[in-house]
Amino acid sequence: MAERRYHEANAGRDSRPVIWFFEGNNILWMVFGMGVALLAFRFCHGELNWSTGEAIIAALVPLIAVSAYVILLKSGKPKSFDREFFEWLVHRARVWLAEAGWVRHRAYFAPTRGKRPGHPLKPEPPEEGRAPQSNPPTDKHA
């Protein structure tokens, strides 16, 4: 009689959950977007007394925003792609504001301008055209 062979089958470990185009942890973004959309609908329809159609349109705004965020910046991209994209946007905005004259622009992560402080124990090299200064020894006991 043939011996029965057992194979491990952990399909849950090998796959990622997918709902439409949301996969993995991006599903949490979809849940968050749905929650905000429901809150927006409830607020617009109940508190602001908008019609059902207007409230649905207002509720679609956060859902579309979250979907666009996941599709364009998260799905199929490296983990840090969205964060680096927003850092790039902030940098471009700072450059644009500097060119418009609203803020003073410094290079990204650059030290402040001016004379760089030297090492406290190392003597500074003499400037061009000047003789090196020698400090005469002082007698502290006198």
Protein backbone atom coordinates (compact mmCIF):
# COMPACT_ATOMS: atom_id res chain seq x y z
CA MET A 1 0.00 0.00 0.00
CA ALA A 2 1.30 3.45 -0.87
CA GLU A 3 2.40 5.65 1.94
CA ARG A 4 0.39 8.81 2.41
CA ARG A 5 2.36 12.07 2.10
CA TYR A 6 1.41 15.22 3.96
CA HIS A 7 2.27 18.65 2.63
CA GLU A 8 2.07 21.85 4.57
CA ALA A 9 -0.47 24.19 3.07
CA ASN A 10 -0.42 27.67 4.56
CA ALA A 11 -1.97 29.69 1.80
CA GLY A 12 -2.73 32.49 4.25
CA ARG A 13 0.94 32.95 4.93
CA ASP A 14 1.87 32.96 1.25
CA SER A 15 -0.70 35.52 0.05
CA ARG A 16 -1.71 39.03 0.93
CA PRO A 17 -5.33 40.05 1.39
CA VAL A 18 -6.68 41.97 -1.60
CA ILE A 19 -9.93 43.92 -1.89
CA TRP A 20 -10.24 45.61 -5.30
CA PHE A 21 -6.91 47.40 -5.70
CA PHE A 22 -6.17 47.67 -1.96
CA GLU A 23 -3.73 45.01 -0.79
CA GLY A 24 -1.99 44.30 2.49
CA ASN A 25 -1.98 47.20 4.96
CA ASN A 26 -3.52 49.46 2.33
CA ILE A 27 -6.85 47.89 3.29
CA LEU A 28 -6.61 49.90 6.52
CA TRP A 29 -6.54 53.08 4.44
CA MET A 30 -9.73 51.93 2.72
CA VAL A 31 -11.42 51.28 6.08
CA PHE A 32 -10.31 54.71 7.31
CA GLY A 33 -11.64 56.35 4.13
CA MET A 34 -14.98 54.56 4.45
CA GLY A 35 -15.26 55.69 8.08
CA VAL A 36 -14.55 59.31 7.23
CA ALA A 37 -16.97 59.09 4.30
CA LEU A 38 -19.74 57.78 6.59
CA LEU A 39 -19.05 60.54 9.12
CA ALA A 40 -19.11 63.16 6.37
CA PHE A 41 -22.41 61.83 5.01
CA ARG A 42 -23.96 61.72 8.46
CA PHE A 43 -22.80 65.25 9.29
CA CYS A 44 -23.88 66.78 5.98
CA HIS A 45 -27.26 65.01 5.86
CA GLY A 46 -28.13 65.26 9.57
CA GLU A 47 -26.56 68.46 10.85
CA LEU A 48 -26.38 70.64 7.73
CA ASN A 49 -29.71 69.33 6.36
CA TRP A 50 -28.33 68.78 2.86
CA SER A 51 -30.21 66.55 0.45
CA THR A 52 -29.17 62.92 0.14
CA GLY A 53 -27.47 63.50 -3.20
CA GLU A 54 -25.43 66.45 -1.91
CA ALA A 55 -24.42 64.49 1.20
CA ILE A 56 -23.33 61.50 -0.91
CA ILE A 57 -21.20 63.76 -3.12
CA ALA A 58 -19.61 65.33 -0.03
CA ALA A 59 -18.98 61.85 1.41
CA LEU A 60 -17.26 60.72 -1.79
CA VAL A 61 -14.53 63.37 -1.40
CA PRO A 62 -12.57 61.61 1.41
CA LEU A 63 -13.13 58.22 -0.23
CA ILE A 64 -11.75 59.44 -3.55
CA ALA A 65 -8.83 61.15 -1.78
CA VAL A 66 -7.86 57.96 0.08
CA SER A 67 -8.26 55.86 -3.08
CA ALA A 68 -6.06 58.25 -5.06
CA TYR A 69 -3.45 58.23 -2.28
CA VAL A 70 -3.28 54.44 -2.25
CA ILE A 71 -3.35 53.97 -6.02
CA LEU A 72 -0.83 56.70 -6.86
CA LEU A 73 1.55 56.64 -3.89
CA LYS A 74 1.32 53.27 -2.12
CA SER A 75 0.23 50.43 -4.40
CA GLY A 76 3.21 48.75 -6.06
CA LYS A 77 5.71 51.36 -4.81
CA PRO A 78 8.57 51.11 -2.28
CA LYS A 79 7.58 51.62 1.36
CA SER A 80 9.02 55.11 1.66
CA PHE A 81 7.77 56.40 -1.71
CA ASP A 82 4.83 58.39 -0.33
CA ARG A 83 6.85 59.94 2.51
CA GLU A 84 9.66 60.95 0.16
CA PHE A 85 7.14 62.36 -2.31
CA PHE A 86 5.68 64.65 0.39
CA GLU A 87 9.17 65.67 1.53
CA TRP A 88 9.94 66.59 -2.08
CA LEU A 89 6.72 68.65 -2.26
CA VAL A 90 7.63 70.53 0.91
CA HIS A 91 11.12 71.21 -0.44
CA ARG A 92 9.73 72.49 -3.76
CA ALA A 93 7.26 74.71 -1.88
CA ARG A 94 10.11 76.19 0.20
CA VAL A 95 12.13 76.90 -2.93
CA TRP A 96 9.12 78.52 -4.59
CA LEU A 97 8.44 80.66 -1.50
CA ALA A 98 12.11 81.70 -1.44
CA GLU A 99 12.00 82.68 -5.10
CA ALA A 100 8.84 84.68 -4.42
CA GLY A 101 10.68 86.44 -1.59
CA TRP A 102 8.45 85.23 1.24
CA VAL A 103 11.07 83.19 3.11
CA ARG A 104 14.84 83.02 3.14
CA HIS A 105 15.97 79.87 1.37
CA ARG A 106 18.76 77.71 2.65
CA ALA A 107 19.95 74.57 0.96
CA TYR A 108 18.15 71.46 2.13
CA PHE A 109 19.68 70.23 5.42
CA ALA A 110 22.59 72.62 4.96
CA PRO A 111 24.44 74.18 7.88
CA THR A 112 24.06 77.87 8.54
CA ARG A 113 26.24 80.16 6.51
CA GLY A 114 29.12 82.05 7.99
CA LYS A 115 32.48 81.22 9.44
CA ARG A 116 32.76 77.63 10.44
CA PRO A 117 34.00 77.22 13.99
CA GLY A 118 37.32 75.44 14.30
CA HIS A 119 38.41 72.77 16.70
CA PRO A 120 38.91 74.20 20.21
CA LEU A 121 42.35 72.59 20.68
CA LYS A 122 43.66 73.07 17.16
CA PRO A 123 45.09 76.50 16.28
CA GLU A 124 43.44 78.23 13.35
CA PRO A 125 45.58 78.62 10.22
CA PRO A 126 46.69 82.19 9.58
CA GLU A 127 44.76 84.20 7.04
CA GLU A 128 46.54 85.11 3.82
CA GLY A 129 48.71 88.21 4.12
CA ARG A 130 48.95 88.05 7.91
CA ALA A 131 51.72 86.72 10.03
CA PRO A 132 50.76 84.01 12.50
CA GLN A 133 50.10 85.38 15.93
CA SER A 134 52.05 83.89 18.76
CA ASN A 135 50.66 84.10 22.22
CA PRO A 136 53.39 84.98 24.71
CA PRO A 137 53.51 82.70 27.70
CA THR A 138 51.86 84.24 30.71
CA ASP A 139 53.08 83.78 34.23
CA LYS A 140 50.01 83.03 36.30
CA HIS A 141 51.98 82.87 39.56
CA ALA A 142 53.31 86.42 39.38
